[in-house]
Structure formats: C-alpha cells, structure tokens
N, C-alpha and C. Protein backbone atom coordinates (compact mmCIF):
# COMPACT_ATOMS: atom_id res chain seq x y z
N MET A 1 0.36 -1.51 0.01
CA MET A 1 0.28 -0.31 -0.19
C MET A 1 0.46 0.91 0.20
N ASN A 2 0.93 2.42 -0.91
CA ASN A 2 1.84 3.55 -1.22
C ASN A 2 0.65 4.16 -0.82
N ILE A 3 0.69 5.50 0.38
CA ILE A 3 0.04 6.38 0.54
C ILE A 3 1.45 7.73 0.87
N THR A 4 0.51 9.47 0.71
CA THR A 4 2.22 10.13 0.54
C THR A 4 2.12 10.18 1.67
N SER A 5 3.26 10.78 1.81
CA SER A 5 3.84 11.77 3.58
C SER A 5 2.12 12.51 3.89
N GLU A 6 1.78 13.14 2.70
CA GLU A 6 0.94 14.54 3.41
C GLU A 6 -0.01 12.85 3.87
N ASP A 7 -0.14 13.06 3.27
CA ASP A 7 -1.83 11.87 3.61
C ASP A 7 -1.86 11.04 4.76
N ALA A 8 -0.45 10.73 5.34
CA ALA A 8 0.13 9.98 6.68
C ALA A 8 -0.07 10.70 7.95
N VAL A 9 0.53 11.62 7.37
CA VAL A 9 1.01 13.07 8.26
C VAL A 9 -0.64 13.60 8.74
N ALA A 10 -2.16 13.62 8.07
CA ALA A 10 -2.97 13.65 7.86
C ALA A 10 -3.97 13.19 8.83
N LEU A 11 -3.85 11.06 8.31
CA LEU A 11 -3.65 10.24 9.53
C LEU A 11 -3.88 10.38 10.38
N TYR A 12 -2.47 10.51 10.63
CA TYR A 12 -1.40 10.21 11.84
C TYR A 12 -2.03 11.87 13.00
N SER A 13 -2.69 12.21 12.93
CA SER A 13 -3.14 14.19 13.51
C SER A 13 -4.18 13.63 13.71
N GLU A 14 -4.97 12.59 13.72
CA GLU A 14 -6.58 12.47 14.29
C GLU A 14 -5.94 12.21 15.35
N GLN A 15 -6.76 12.91 16.83
CA GLN A 15 -6.74 12.77 18.02
C GLN A 15 -6.42 11.58 18.17
N SER A 16 -6.98 10.46 18.43
CA SER A 16 -6.91 9.61 18.50
C SER A 16 -5.55 8.50 18.54
N VAL A 17 -4.89 8.91 17.53
CA VAL A 17 -3.23 8.83 17.23
C VAL A 17 -1.89 9.06 17.44
N ALA A 18 -3.02 10.00 17.89
CA ALA A 18 -1.33 11.56 17.29
C ALA A 18 -0.53 11.58 18.38
N ASP A 19 -0.30 10.57 19.59
CA ASP A 19 0.55 10.70 20.14
C ASP A 19 2.01 9.62 19.14
N TYR A 20 0.86 8.67 18.36
CA TYR A 20 1.81 7.93 17.57
C TYR A 20 3.26 8.73 16.62
N VAL A 21 4.77 7.86 16.75
CA VAL A 21 5.44 8.61 16.06
C VAL A 21 5.92 7.67 14.86
N ALA A 22 6.19 8.27 13.17
CA ALA A 22 6.96 7.42 12.85
C ALA A 22 8.48 7.35 12.57
N GLU A 23 8.64 5.70 12.22
CA GLU A 23 9.63 5.75 12.15
C GLU A 23 10.59 4.63 10.95
N PRO A 24 11.31 4.77 10.64
CA PRO A 24 11.45 4.47 9.37
C PRO A 24 12.15 2.98 9.51
N VAL A 25 11.89 2.11 8.62
CA VAL A 25 11.56 0.74 8.88
C VAL A 25 12.81 -0.55 7.02
N VAL A 26 12.75 -0.70 7.75
CA VAL A 26 13.19 -1.99 6.28
C VAL A 26 12.73 -2.94 6.09
N VAL A 27 12.24 -3.22 5.10
CA VAL A 27 10.73 -4.54 5.42
C VAL A 27 11.17 -5.33 4.04
N LYS A 28 12.07 -6.72 4.67
CA LYS A 28 12.30 -7.91 3.63
C LYS A 28 11.22 -8.61 2.81
N LEU A 29 11.73 -8.66 1.18
CA LEU A 29 10.06 -9.39 0.89
C LEU A 29 11.49 -10.89 0.49
N PRO A 30 9.95 -11.25 -0.16
CA PRO A 30 10.86 -12.78 -0.65
C PRO A 30 11.93 -12.58 -1.88
N GLY A 31 12.86 -12.80 -2.01
CA GLY A 31 13.99 -12.96 -3.33
C GLY A 31 15.13 -11.97 -2.45
N ASP A 32 15.17 -12.35 -0.98
CA ASP A 32 16.46 -10.60 -0.78
C ASP A 32 15.74 -9.57 -0.91
N ILE A 33 14.84 -9.11 -2.01
CA ILE A 33 14.59 -7.92 -1.65
C ILE A 33 14.25 -7.05 -0.71
N GLN A 34 14.87 -5.61 -0.41
CA GLN A 34 14.68 -4.94 0.73
C GLN A 34 13.94 -3.69 0.64
N VAL A 35 13.21 -3.39 0.59
CA VAL A 35 11.84 -2.08 0.86
C VAL A 35 12.29 -0.85 1.65
N SER A 36 12.31 0.85 2.00
CA SER A 36 12.06 1.21 2.56
C SER A 36 10.99 1.21 3.10
N ALA A 37 10.19 1.73 4.65
CA ALA A 37 8.97 2.00 4.18
C ALA A 37 8.44 3.29 5.59
N VAL A 38 7.83 3.93 6.19
CA VAL A 38 7.65 4.03 7.72
C VAL A 38 6.88 3.62 7.91
N CYS A 39 6.44 2.81 8.96
CA CYS A 39 5.76 3.16 10.47
C CYS A 39 5.42 3.91 11.27
N TYR A 40 3.97 3.51 12.03
CA TYR A 40 3.68 4.79 13.33
C TYR A 40 3.59 3.91 14.11
N ASN A 41 3.97 3.91 15.07
CA ASN A 41 3.90 3.32 16.22
C ASN A 41 3.99 3.97 17.44
N LEU A 42 3.76 3.84 18.41
CA LEU A 42 3.28 4.20 20.01
C LEU A 42 3.84 3.83 20.49
N PRO A 43 4.82 4.80 21.12
CA PRO A 43 5.88 4.97 22.02
C PRO A 43 5.68 4.19 23.28
N ALA A 44 6.70 3.34 23.51
CA ALA A 44 6.38 2.57 25.02
C ALA A 44 5.68 3.70 26.45
N ALA A 45 6.17 4.81 26.30
CA ALA A 45 5.54 5.17 27.39
C ALA A 45 4.49 6.01 27.19
N ARG A 46 3.77 5.84 25.96
CA ARG A 46 2.27 6.45 26.10
C ARG A 46 1.47 5.04 26.45
N MET A 47 1.61 4.02 26.26
CA MET A 47 0.73 2.89 26.03
C MET A 47 0.24 2.28 27.56
N ALA A 48 -1.54 2.70 27.70
CA ALA A 48 -1.78 2.59 28.77
C ALA A 48 -3.14 1.90 28.18
N GLY A 49 -3.81 1.22 29.32
CA GLY A 49 -5.40 0.31 28.41
C GLY A 49 -5.21 -0.52 27.31
N THR A 50 -6.64 -1.40 27.29
CA THR A 50 -6.21 -1.81 25.98
C THR A 50 -7.00 -1.90 25.28
N ASN A 51 -7.22 -2.31 23.90
CA ASN A 51 -8.19 -2.41 22.82
C ASN A 51 -8.60 -3.23 22.51
N PRO A 52 -9.31 -4.35 22.99
CA PRO A 52 -9.32 -6.05 22.62
C PRO A 52 -9.94 -5.70 20.80
N GLU A 53 -11.76 -4.97 20.72
CA GLU A 53 -11.41 -4.90 19.14
C GLU A 53 -10.70 -4.40 18.70
N TYR A 54 -9.67 -3.92 18.33
CA TYR A 54 -8.26 -3.24 17.74
C TYR A 54 -7.31 -4.38 16.95
N ALA A 55 -7.44 -5.42 18.86
CA ALA A 55 -6.56 -6.76 18.54
C ALA A 55 -7.21 -7.86 18.04
N ALA A 56 -8.30 -7.60 18.27
CA ALA A 56 -8.43 -8.57 16.81
C ALA A 56 -8.50 -8.37 16.15
N ALA A 57 -9.28 -7.30 15.70
CA ALA A 57 -8.87 -6.78 13.87
C ALA A 57 -7.34 -6.98 13.35
N LEU A 58 -6.50 -6.91 14.26
CA LEU A 58 -4.97 -7.28 13.44
C LEU A 58 -4.75 -8.36 13.73
N LEU A 59 -5.13 -9.14 14.50
CA LEU A 59 -4.63 -10.65 15.10
C LEU A 59 -5.31 -10.87 13.46
N THR A 60 -6.74 -11.05 12.81
CA THR A 60 -7.43 -11.30 11.99
C THR A 60 -6.18 -11.51 10.26
N LEU A 61 -5.92 -9.61 10.11
CA LEU A 61 -5.13 -9.46 9.31
C LEU A 61 -4.00 -9.67 9.70
N ALA A 62 -3.02 -9.73 10.32
CA ALA A 62 -1.62 -10.71 10.97
C ALA A 62 -1.45 -11.91 9.96
N SER A 63 -2.48 -12.46 10.47
CA SER A 63 -2.38 -14.32 10.42
C SER A 63 -3.07 -13.84 8.87
N LYS A 64 -3.79 -13.34 7.64
CA LYS A 64 -4.08 -13.28 6.97
C LYS A 64 -2.53 -12.88 5.47
N LEU A 65 -2.30 -11.84 6.44
CA LEU A 65 -0.74 -11.73 5.40
C LEU A 65 1.11 -12.73 6.25
N GLY A 66 0.16 -13.37 6.90
CA GLY A 66 1.14 -14.73 6.95
C GLY A 66 2.81 -14.84 8.03
N LEU A 67 1.89 -13.59 8.59
CA LEU A 67 2.89 -12.78 9.63
C LEU A 67 3.64 -13.90 10.64
N PRO A 68 4.79 -13.98 11.13
CA PRO A 68 5.75 -14.98 12.20
C PRO A 68 4.67 -15.39 13.21
N ASP A 69 4.62 -16.30 13.52
CA ASP A 69 3.39 -17.09 14.22
C ASP A 69 4.37 -16.42 15.21
N SER A 70 5.08 -15.86 16.41
CA SER A 70 5.55 -15.52 16.96
C SER A 70 5.11 -14.09 17.43
N TYR A 71 4.84 -13.16 16.33
CA TYR A 71 4.50 -12.09 16.44
C TYR A 71 2.97 -12.41 16.80
N LEU A 72 2.08 -13.14 15.84
CA LEU A 72 0.63 -13.71 16.62
C LEU A 72 0.52 -14.00 18.11
N GLU A 73 1.36 -14.71 18.53
CA GLU A 73 1.30 -15.32 20.28
C GLU A 73 0.95 -13.97 20.00
N GLN A 74 1.74 -12.46 20.33
CA GLN A 74 2.44 -11.82 21.24
C GLN A 74 0.53 -10.82 21.02
N ILE A 75 -0.05 -11.21 19.94
CA ILE A 75 -1.29 -10.11 19.53
C ILE A 75 -2.30 -11.82 20.80
N ARG A 76 -2.26 -12.52 20.47
CA ARG A 76 -3.00 -13.38 21.18
C ARG A 76 -3.06 -13.12 22.51
N ASN A 77 -2.18 -13.12 22.52
CA ASN A 77 -1.60 -12.80 24.33
C ASN A 77 -2.88 -11.52 24.45
N ALA A 78 -2.04 -10.14 23.80
CA ALA A 78 -3.21 -9.58 24.25
C ALA A 78 -4.44 -9.22 24.00
N VAL A 79 -4.88 -10.04 23.01
CA VAL A 79 -6.24 -10.05 23.08
C VAL A 79 -7.04 -10.75 24.32
N ALA A 80 -5.78 -12.39 24.55
CA ALA A 80 -6.75 -12.68 26.12
C ALA A 80 -6.72 -11.67 27.91
N VAL A 81 -5.23 -11.35 27.58
CA VAL A 81 -5.61 -10.12 28.95
C VAL A 81 -6.80 -8.92 28.78
N SER A 82 -7.43 -8.94 27.20
CA SER A 82 -8.55 -7.43 27.45
C SER A 82 -9.47 -8.25 27.82
C-alpha cells in the first residue's frame, strides 16, 4: 500500500492516534528484496490500557498476511488479557 507523506501526517494527526511516531523501517521481501517504509508506532511511555477490538482485528489481518507465529502469539496474548 502506498500513501503520500502528507496523507500519513494527516491520518496520524487524528486525536486518537496523534501520539504515534513515524519510524523508518526496512521490509524484507521474498527474493532478498528490501524496501524502505515508514511505520507509525506508539512509544512505550504512551501505552496504557487495551483495545480488544483493535487487537482482534490486528490478529485477523496479521494471520491473513502470514506474519510470523511469534508475532501472532503476542497479539493473541494481548487479546486474552483484554
């Protein structure tokens, strides 16, 4: 998925996600292809409470995308704690 930097800034200026910080990452794709990307992450100091609906939706998407089992397990644990 591609969005412009301006669109990302606008999206993350919404009050509910304004604390998220843009962080550059390198995505490793099959065939030893590496792609630069930006992830918006919530700093650990800002984490409080849980959102079970979000965690459940994230688990569904992460499973469909075939993300690693270790990551899926972290999400499952978050859902179970909620």
